[in-house]
């Protein structure tokens, strides 16, 4: 290997390590900040300085020029007040696939309900608190990687060049996304049904399918994952 190639490889390794460390830092911050909130199914934007805003508040601050759309860094879904459910625990991002297109459309600069201009958006995150054992699960993933792995650039190609997008077009993108057989040959609904049957109904015969789905999930989202115990205020193996 040439010296230049070696240095480039080492530099890429360093960049990847920095990204992973940053994701862990974000995940730990979100668990501690949002894990104690009693809000359910609320979309937030976190800025580069780690401040967290509900998307409505973020839009109001944009209008008043108190923050810049270039400050937005993480688009996150905060799900609170639900009991433990195995598919949600093992594959958090699959619990709300609707928010992925909204995050990507925000990055593209669109403005619509649940969507706000955020051109420097880097990550998406899922924050889930299970009330019956008071644990918080957080996964953080790179939005560019996920967009590529789920074909989102192709799905939104027809709307580029516009500033606003209708609810019906957003719904159409969501339906196309969910109908793709990205998870070991299964679409979103099929995947959720298999996970439900295996974990909640004890269909042991689906073990191979579940393993393949979880492998595909990790390849697509490449998430950093943490678990936080709200009782002990400690991070535990997720």
C-alpha atoms as a PDB file:
ATOM      1  CA  UNK A   1       0.000   0.000   0.000  1.00  0.00           C
ATOM      2  CA  UNK A   2       1.298   3.457  -0.937  1.00  0.00           C
ATOM      3  CA  UNK A   3       2.020   5.971   1.827  1.00  0.00           C
ATOM      4  CA  UNK A   4      -0.661   8.356   0.555  1.00  0.00           C
ATOM      5  CA  UNK A   5      -3.281   5.599   0.525  1.00  0.00           C
ATOM      6  CA  UNK A   6      -2.306   4.562   4.058  1.00  0.00           C
ATOM      7  CA  UNK A   7      -2.671   8.102   5.383  1.00  0.00           C
ATOM      8  CA  UNK A   8      -6.041   8.472   3.663  1.00  0.00           C
ATOM      9  CA  UNK A   9      -7.230   5.200   5.175  1.00  0.00           C
ATOM     10  CA  UNK A  10      -6.103   6.232   8.653  1.00  0.00           C
ATOM     11  CA  UNK A  11      -7.803   9.598   8.210  1.00  0.00           C
ATOM     12  CA  UNK A  12     -11.085   7.891   7.251  1.00  0.00           C
ATOM     13  CA  UNK A  13     -10.837   5.646  10.311  1.00  0.00           C
ATOM     14  CA  UNK A  14     -10.330   8.713  12.507  1.00  0.00           C
ATOM     15  CA  UNK A  15     -13.361  10.440  10.933  1.00  0.00           C
ATOM     16  CA  UNK A  16     -15.520   7.343  11.524  1.00  0.00           C
ATOM     17  CA  UNK A  17     -14.399   7.152  15.167  1.00  0.00           C
ATOM     18  CA  UNK A  18     -15.204  10.844  15.681  1.00  0.00           C
ATOM     19  CA  UNK A  19     -18.691  10.338  14.227  1.00  0.00           C
ATOM     20  CA  UNK A  20     -19.366   7.376  16.518  1.00  0.00           C
ATOM     21  CA  UNK A  21     -18.187   9.335  19.552  1.00  0.00           C
ATOM     22  CA  UNK A  22     -20.387  12.267  18.558  1.00  0.00           C
ATOM     23  CA  UNK A  23     -23.417   9.976  18.179  1.00  0.00           C
ATOM     24  CA  UNK A  24     -22.839   8.553  21.663  1.00  0.00           C
ATOM     25  CA  UNK A  25     -22.542  12.052  23.087  1.00  0.00           C
ATOM     26  CA  UNK A  26     -25.822  13.044  21.429  1.00  0.00           C
ATOM     27  CA  UNK A  27     -27.583   9.847  22.544  1.00  0.00           C
ATOM     28  CA  UNK A  28     -26.535  10.289  26.175  1.00  0.00           C
ATOM     29  CA  UNK A  29     -27.623  13.926  26.158  1.00  0.00           C
ATOM     30  CA  UNK A  30     -31.038  13.073  24.701  1.00  0.00           C
ATOM     31  CA  UNK A  31     -31.627  10.267  27.195  1.00  0.00           C
ATOM     32  CA  UNK A  32     -30.948  12.551  30.139  1.00  0.00           C
ATOM     33  CA  UNK A  33     -32.794  15.577  28.775  1.00  0.00           C
ATOM     34  CA  UNK A  34     -35.883  13.947  27.255  1.00  0.00           C
ATOM     35  CA  UNK A  35     -36.178  10.783  29.318  1.00  0.00           C
ATOM     36  CA  UNK A  36     -37.896  12.635  32.147  1.00  0.00           C
ATOM     37  CA  UNK A  37     -40.322  14.594  29.981  1.00  0.00           C
ATOM     38  CA  UNK A  38     -43.986  13.604  29.941  1.00  0.00           C
ATOM     39  CA  UNK A  39     -44.589  14.286  26.272  1.00  0.00           C
ATOM     40  CA  UNK A  40     -45.695  11.701  23.752  1.00  0.00           C
ATOM     41  CA  UNK A  41     -44.959  11.389  20.045  1.00  0.00           C
ATOM     42  CA  UNK A  42     -43.426  14.832  19.669  1.00  0.00           C
ATOM     43  CA  UNK A  43     -40.921  15.793  17.010  1.00  0.00           C
ATOM     44  CA  UNK A  44     -37.990  17.921  18.122  1.00  0.00           C
ATOM     45  CA  UNK A  45     -35.010  19.628  16.561  1.00  0.00           C
ATOM     46  CA  UNK A  46     -31.698  19.711  18.405  1.00  0.00           C
ATOM     47  CA  UNK A  47     -29.261  22.428  17.393  1.00  0.00           C
ATOM     48  CA  UNK A  48     -25.470  22.224  17.269  1.00  0.00           C
ATOM     49  CA  UNK A  49     -25.224  23.704  20.773  1.00  0.00           C
ATOM     50  CA  UNK A  50     -27.310  20.785  22.141  1.00  0.00           C
ATOM     51  CA  UNK A  51     -30.458  22.864  22.709  1.00  0.00           C
ATOM     52  CA  UNK A  52     -33.688  20.957  22.069  1.00  0.00           C
ATOM     53  CA  UNK A  53     -36.808  22.570  20.592  1.00  0.00           C
ATOM     54  CA  UNK A  54     -40.224  21.235  19.729  1.00  0.00           C
ATOM     55  CA  UNK A  55     -40.553  21.672  16.000  1.00  0.00           C
ATOM     56  CA  UNK A  56     -43.256  24.337  16.394  1.00  0.00           C
ATOM     57  CA  UNK A  57     -40.986  26.382  18.667  1.00  0.00           C
ATOM     58  CA  UNK A  58     -38.121  25.885  16.238  1.00  0.00           C
ATOM     59  CA  UNK A  59     -40.228  27.294  13.395  1.00  0.00           C
ATOM     60  CA  UNK A  60     -41.220  30.313  15.482  1.00  0.00           C
ATOM     61  CA  UNK A  61     -37.570  31.019  16.282  1.00  0.00           C
ATOM     62  CA  UNK A  62     -36.721  30.777  12.594  1.00  0.00           C
ATOM     63  CA  UNK A  63     -39.409  33.333  11.740  1.00  0.00           C
ATOM     64  CA  UNK A  64     -38.083  35.763  14.348  1.00  0.00           C
ATOM     65  CA  UNK A  65     -34.493  35.204  13.160  1.00  0.00           C
ATOM     66  CA  UNK A  66     -33.462  34.149  16.667  1.00  0.00           C
ATOM     67  CA  UNK A  67     -31.850  31.034  15.275  1.00  0.00           C
ATOM     68  CA  UNK A  68     -30.646  30.016  11.837  1.00  0.00           C
ATOM     69  CA  UNK A  69     -31.854  26.953   9.899  1.00  0.00           C
ATOM     70  CA  UNK A  70     -28.170  26.082   9.645  1.00  0.00           C
ATOM     71  CA  UNK A  71     -28.097  25.559  13.423  1.00  0.00           C
ATOM     72  CA  UNK A  72     -30.278  22.417  13.252  1.00  0.00           C
ATOM     73  CA  UNK A  73     -28.264  19.246  13.742  1.00  0.00           C
ATOM     74  CA  UNK A  74     -30.543  16.404  14.927  1.00  0.00           C
ATOM     75  CA  UNK A  75     -34.149  15.639  13.986  1.00  0.00           C
ATOM     76  CA  UNK A  76     -35.642  13.433  16.659  1.00  0.00           C
ATOM     77  CA  UNK A  77     -38.799  11.600  17.606  1.00  0.00           C
ATOM     78  CA  UNK A  78     -39.592  11.542  21.326  1.00  0.00           C
ATOM     79  CA  UNK A  79     -41.985   8.733  22.269  1.00  0.00           C
ATOM     80  CA  UNK A  80     -43.082   8.673  25.897  1.00  0.00           C
ATOM     81  CA  UNK A  81     -45.697   6.949  28.003  1.00  0.00           C
ATOM     82  CA  UNK A  82     -45.748   3.538  26.336  1.00  0.00           C
ATOM     83  CA  UNK A  83     -45.319   0.117  27.873  1.00  0.00           C
ATOM     84  CA  UNK A  84     -42.521  -2.230  26.853  1.00  0.00           C
ATOM     85  CA  UNK A  85     -43.019  -3.709  23.412  1.00  0.00           C
ATOM     86  CA  UNK A  86     -40.287  -5.962  22.019  1.00  0.00           C
ATOM     87  CA  UNK A  87     -40.310  -4.844  18.345  1.00  0.00           C
ATOM     88  CA  UNK A  88     -40.027  -1.213  19.468  1.00  0.00           C
ATOM     89  CA  UNK A  89     -37.216  -2.106  21.872  1.00  0.00           C
ATOM     90  CA  UNK A  90     -35.122  -4.014  19.334  1.00  0.00           C
ATOM     91  CA  UNK A  91     -35.817  -1.859  16.244  1.00  0.00           C
ATOM     92  CA  UNK A  92     -36.775   1.642  17.474  1.00  0.00           C
ATOM     93  CA  UNK A  93     -36.645   3.382  14.102  1.00  0.00           C
ATOM     94  CA  UNK A  94     -39.260   0.982  12.721  1.00  0.00           C
ATOM     95  CA  UNK A  95     -41.761   2.177  15.326  1.00  0.00           C
ATOM     96  CA  UNK A  96     -42.306   5.411  13.393  1.00  0.00           C
ATOM     97  CA  UNK A  97     -41.133   5.264   9.798  1.00  0.00           C
ATOM     98  CA  UNK A  98     -43.207   8.365   8.989  1.00  0.00           C
ATOM     99  CA  UNK A  99     -40.691  10.646  10.636  1.00  0.00           C
ATOM    100  CA  UNK A 100     -37.768   9.583   8.414  1.00  0.00           C
ATOM    101  CA  UNK A 101     -39.179  11.233   5.235  1.00  0.00           C
ATOM    102  CA  UNK A 102     -40.044  14.331   7.282  1.00  0.00           C
ATOM    103  CA  UNK A 103     -36.471  14.544   8.547  1.00  0.00           C
ATOM    104  CA  UNK A 104     -35.069  14.158   5.039  1.00  0.00           C
ATOM    105  CA  UNK A 105     -37.468  16.737   3.592  1.00  0.00           C
ATOM    106  CA  UNK A 106     -36.393  19.120   6.372  1.00  0.00           C
ATOM    107  CA  UNK A 107     -32.785  18.627   5.336  1.00  0.00           C
ATOM    108  CA  UNK A 108     -33.780  19.471   1.764  1.00  0.00           C
ATOM    109  CA  UNK A 109     -35.230  22.772   3.027  1.00  0.00           C
ATOM    110  CA  UNK A 110     -38.953  22.116   2.795  1.00  0.00           C
ATOM    111  CA  UNK A 111     -41.473  23.749   5.127  1.00  0.00           C
ATOM    112  CA  UNK A 112     -44.722  22.013   6.038  1.00  0.00           C
ATOM    113  CA  UNK A 113     -46.431  20.578   9.152  1.00  0.00           C
ATOM    114  CA  UNK A 114     -43.804  18.453  10.907  1.00  0.00           C
ATOM    115  CA  UNK A 115     -41.189  19.641   8.424  1.00  0.00           C
ATOM    116  CA  UNK A 116     -38.931  22.666   8.858  1.00  0.00           C
ATOM    117  CA  UNK A 117     -35.910  23.975   6.938  1.00  0.00           C
ATOM    118  CA  UNK A 118     -32.756  22.407   8.371  1.00  0.00           C
ATOM    119  CA  UNK A 119     -30.123  22.131   5.607  1.00  0.00           C
ATOM    120  CA  UNK A 120     -27.266  21.177   7.937  1.00  0.00           C
ATOM    121  CA  UNK A 121     -29.194  18.358   9.586  1.00  0.00           C
ATOM    122  CA  UNK A 122     -26.753  15.524  10.228  1.00  0.00           C
ATOM    123  CA  UNK A 123     -28.487  12.930  12.388  1.00  0.00           C
ATOM    124  CA  UNK A 124     -31.866  11.488  13.233  1.00  0.00           C
ATOM    125  CA  UNK A 125     -32.646  10.032  16.646  1.00  0.00           C
ATOM    126  CA  UNK A 126     -35.349   7.965  18.282  1.00  0.00           C
ATOM    127  CA  UNK A 127     -35.951   8.467  22.020  1.00  0.00           C
ATOM    128  CA  UNK A 128     -38.339   5.964  23.647  1.00  0.00           C
ATOM    129  CA  UNK A 129     -39.290   5.703  27.317  1.00  0.00           C
ATOM    130  CA  UNK A 130     -41.011   2.553  28.520  1.00  0.00           C
ATOM    131  CA  UNK A 131     -43.109   3.495  31.527  1.00  0.00           C
ATOM    132  CA  UNK A 132     -43.442   0.036  33.044  1.00  0.00           C
ATOM    133  CA  UNK A 133     -39.728  -0.239  33.773  1.00  0.00           C
ATOM    134  CA  UNK A 134     -38.634   3.375  33.474  1.00  0.00           C
ATOM    135  CA  UNK A 135     -35.882   2.850  30.952  1.00  0.00           C
ATOM    136  CA  UNK A 136     -35.065   5.058  27.984  1.00  0.00           C
ATOM    137  CA  UNK A 137     -33.768   3.656  24.699  1.00  0.00           C
ATOM    138  CA  UNK A 138     -32.025   6.057  22.325  1.00  0.00           C
ATOM    139  CA  UNK A 139     -30.701   5.348  18.846  1.00  0.00           C
ATOM    140  CA  UNK A 140     -28.857   7.927  16.753  1.00  0.00           C
ATOM    141  CA  UNK A 141     -28.049   7.468  13.066  1.00  0.00           C
ATOM    142  CA  UNK A 142     -26.615   9.434  10.163  1.00  0.00           C
ATOM    143  CA  UNK A 143     -29.421  10.854   8.038  1.00  0.00           C
ATOM    144  CA  UNK A 144     -27.394  10.771   4.816  1.00  0.00           C
ATOM    145  CA  UNK A 145     -26.554   7.095   5.229  1.00  0.00           C
ATOM    146  CA  UNK A 146     -30.172   6.165   5.954  1.00  0.00           C
ATOM    147  CA  UNK A 147     -31.497   8.245   3.065  1.00  0.00           C
ATOM    148  CA  UNK A 148     -29.181   6.425   0.659  1.00  0.00           C
ATOM    149  CA  UNK A 149     -29.970   3.000   2.095  1.00  0.00           C
ATOM    150  CA  UNK A 150     -33.742   3.568   1.880  1.00  0.00           C
ATOM    151  CA  UNK A 151     -33.724   5.180  -1.602  1.00  0.00           C
ATOM    152  CA  UNK A 152     -35.181   8.447  -0.298  1.00  0.00           C
ATOM    153  CA  UNK A 153     -33.355  10.606  -2.908  1.00  0.00           C
ATOM    154  CA  UNK A 154     -35.207   8.706  -5.652  1.00  0.00           C
ATOM    155  CA  UNK A 155     -38.538   8.882  -3.833  1.00  0.00           C
ATOM    156  CA  UNK A 156     -38.433  12.687  -3.542  1.00  0.00           C
ATOM    157  CA  UNK A 157     -36.930  13.426  -6.944  1.00  0.00           C
ATOM    158  CA  UNK A 158     -40.238  14.571  -8.398  1.00  0.00           C
ATOM    159  CA  UNK A 159     -40.727  17.368  -5.856  1.00  0.00           C
ATOM    160  CA  UNK A 160     -37.302  18.977  -5.969  1.00  0.00           C
ATOM    161  CA  UNK A 161     -37.331  22.631  -6.963  1.00  0.00           C
ATOM    162  CA  UNK A 162     -40.385  23.481  -4.882  1.00  0.00           C
ATOM    163  CA  UNK A 163     -40.377  25.131  -1.447  1.00  0.00           C
ATOM    164  CA  UNK A 164     -43.490  23.620   0.100  1.00  0.00           C
ATOM    165  CA  UNK A 165     -44.905  20.148  -0.092  1.00  0.00           C
ATOM    166  CA  UNK A 166     -48.506  19.048   0.399  1.00  0.00           C
ATOM    167  CA  UNK A 167     -49.578  16.517   3.018  1.00  0.00           C
ATOM    168  CA  UNK A 168     -50.705  14.175   0.248  1.00  0.00           C
ATOM    169  CA  UNK A 169     -47.259  14.165  -1.353  1.00  0.00           C
ATOM    170  CA  UNK A 170     -45.612  13.498   2.001  1.00  0.00           C
ATOM    171  CA  UNK A 171     -48.034  10.623   2.530  1.00  0.00           C
ATOM    172  CA  UNK A 172     -47.188   9.289  -0.923  1.00  0.00           C
ATOM    173  CA  UNK A 173     -43.467   9.276  -0.091  1.00  0.00           C
ATOM    174  CA  UNK A 174     -44.167   7.487   3.199  1.00  0.00           C
ATOM    175  CA  UNK A 175     -46.243   4.832   1.422  1.00  0.00           C
ATOM    176  CA  UNK A 176     -43.506   4.258  -1.152  1.00  0.00           C
ATOM    177  CA  UNK A 177     -40.873   4.026   1.555  1.00  0.00           C
ATOM    178  CA  UNK A 178     -42.871   1.527   3.590  1.00  0.00           C
ATOM    179  CA  UNK A 179     -43.713  -0.627   0.573  1.00  0.00           C
ATOM    180  CA  UNK A 180     -40.063  -1.272  -0.309  1.00  0.00           C
ATOM    181  CA  UNK A 181     -38.811  -4.728   0.644  1.00  0.00           C
ATOM    182  CA  UNK A 182     -35.644  -3.440   2.299  1.00  0.00           C
ATOM    183  CA  UNK A 183     -35.624  -5.584   5.415  1.00  0.00           C
ATOM    184  CA  UNK A 184     -34.436  -9.041   4.369  1.00  0.00           C
ATOM    185  CA  UNK A 185     -36.981  -9.062   1.549  1.00  0.00           C
ATOM    186  CA  UNK A 186     -39.902  -7.783   3.636  1.00  0.00           C
ATOM    187  CA  UNK A 187     -41.690  -4.444   3.521  1.00  0.00           C
ATOM    188  CA  UNK A 188     -42.434  -2.416   6.649  1.00  0.00           C
ATOM    189  CA  UNK A 189     -45.794  -4.016   7.495  1.00  0.00           C
ATOM    190  CA  UNK A 190     -44.489  -7.529   6.885  1.00  0.00           C
ATOM    191  CA  UNK A 191     -41.431  -6.824   9.024  1.00  0.00           C
ATOM    192  CA  UNK A 192     -43.498  -5.490  11.908  1.00  0.00           C
ATOM    193  CA  UNK A 193     -45.801  -8.522  11.770  1.00  0.00           C
ATOM    194  CA  UNK A 194     -42.859 -10.952  11.866  1.00  0.00           C
ATOM    195  CA  UNK A 195     -41.247  -9.146  14.810  1.00  0.00           C
ATOM    196  CA  UNK A 196     -44.568  -9.073  16.636  1.00  0.00           C
ATOM    197  CA  UNK A 197     -45.239 -12.754  16.117  1.00  0.00           C
ATOM    198  CA  UNK A 198     -41.748 -13.783  17.166  1.00  0.00           C
ATOM    199  CA  UNK A 199     -41.298 -11.573  20.233  1.00  0.00           C
ATOM    200  CA  UNK A 200     -44.839 -11.152  21.488  1.00  0.00           C
ATOM    201  CA  UNK A 201     -46.515 -14.381  20.329  1.00  0.00           C
ATOM    202  CA  UNK A 202     -43.494 -16.694  20.692  1.00  0.00           C
ATOM    203  CA  UNK A 203     -43.423 -17.994  17.122  1.00  0.00           C
ATOM    204  CA  UNK A 204     -40.011 -19.651  17.488  1.00  0.00           C
ATOM    205  CA  UNK A 205     -40.114 -20.825  13.855  1.00  0.00           C
ATOM    206  CA  UNK A 206     -39.491 -17.201  12.773  1.00  0.00           C
ATOM    207  CA  UNK A 207     -36.061 -17.014  14.446  1.00  0.00           C
ATOM    208  CA  UNK A 208     -34.107 -16.999  11.154  1.00  0.00           C
ATOM    209  CA  UNK A 209     -36.339 -14.345   9.648  1.00  0.00           C
ATOM    210  CA  UNK A 210     -35.962 -12.142  12.730  1.00  0.00           C
ATOM    211  CA  UNK A 211     -32.186 -12.520  12.694  1.00  0.00           C
ATOM    212  CA  UNK A 212     -32.098 -11.534   9.010  1.00  0.00           C
ATOM    213  CA  UNK A 213     -34.385  -8.546   9.661  1.00  0.00           C
ATOM    214  CA  UNK A 214     -32.264  -7.307  12.549  1.00  0.00           C
ATOM    215  CA  UNK A 215     -29.103  -7.669  10.442  1.00  0.00           C
ATOM    216  CA  UNK A 216     -30.758  -5.668   7.642  1.00  0.00           C
ATOM    217  CA  UNK A 217     -31.960  -3.074  10.153  1.00  0.00           C
ATOM    218  CA  UNK A 218     -28.414  -2.547  11.436  1.00  0.00           C
ATOM    219  CA  UNK A 219     -27.020  -2.306   7.895  1.00  0.00           C
ATOM    220  CA  UNK A 220     -29.615   0.276   6.865  1.00  0.00           C
ATOM    221  CA  UNK A 221     -29.588   2.489   9.958  1.00  0.00           C
ATOM    222  CA  UNK A 222     -26.121   1.783  11.392  1.00  0.00           C
ATOM    223  CA  UNK A 223     -27.346   3.169  14.723  1.00  0.00           C
ATOM    224  CA  UNK A 224     -25.477   4.018  17.877  1.00  0.00           C
ATOM    225  CA  UNK A 225     -27.638   2.772  20.749  1.00  0.00           C
ATOM    226  CA  UNK A 226     -27.737   3.490  24.474  1.00  0.00           C
ATOM    227  CA  UNK A 227     -30.074   2.575  27.325  1.00  0.00           C
ATOM    228  CA  UNK A 228     -30.593   4.747  30.380  1.00  0.00           C
ATOM    229  CA  UNK A 229     -32.136   3.746  33.709  1.00  0.00           C
ATOM    230  CA  UNK A 230     -34.201   6.664  35.016  1.00  0.00           C
ATOM    231  CA  UNK A 231     -34.274   5.200  38.522  1.00  0.00           C
ATOM    232  CA  UNK A 232     -30.527   4.844  39.017  1.00  0.00           C
ATOM    233  CA  UNK A 233     -29.544   7.606  36.563  1.00  0.00           C
ATOM    234  CA  UNK A 234     -27.071   5.190  35.034  1.00  0.00           C
ATOM    235  CA  UNK A 235     -26.346   4.059  31.483  1.00  0.00           C
ATOM    236  CA  UNK A 236     -26.667   0.295  31.107  1.00  0.00           C
ATOM    237  CA  UNK A 237     -25.890  -2.168  28.288  1.00  0.00           C
ATOM    238  CA  UNK A 238     -28.578  -1.773  25.624  1.00  0.00           C
END
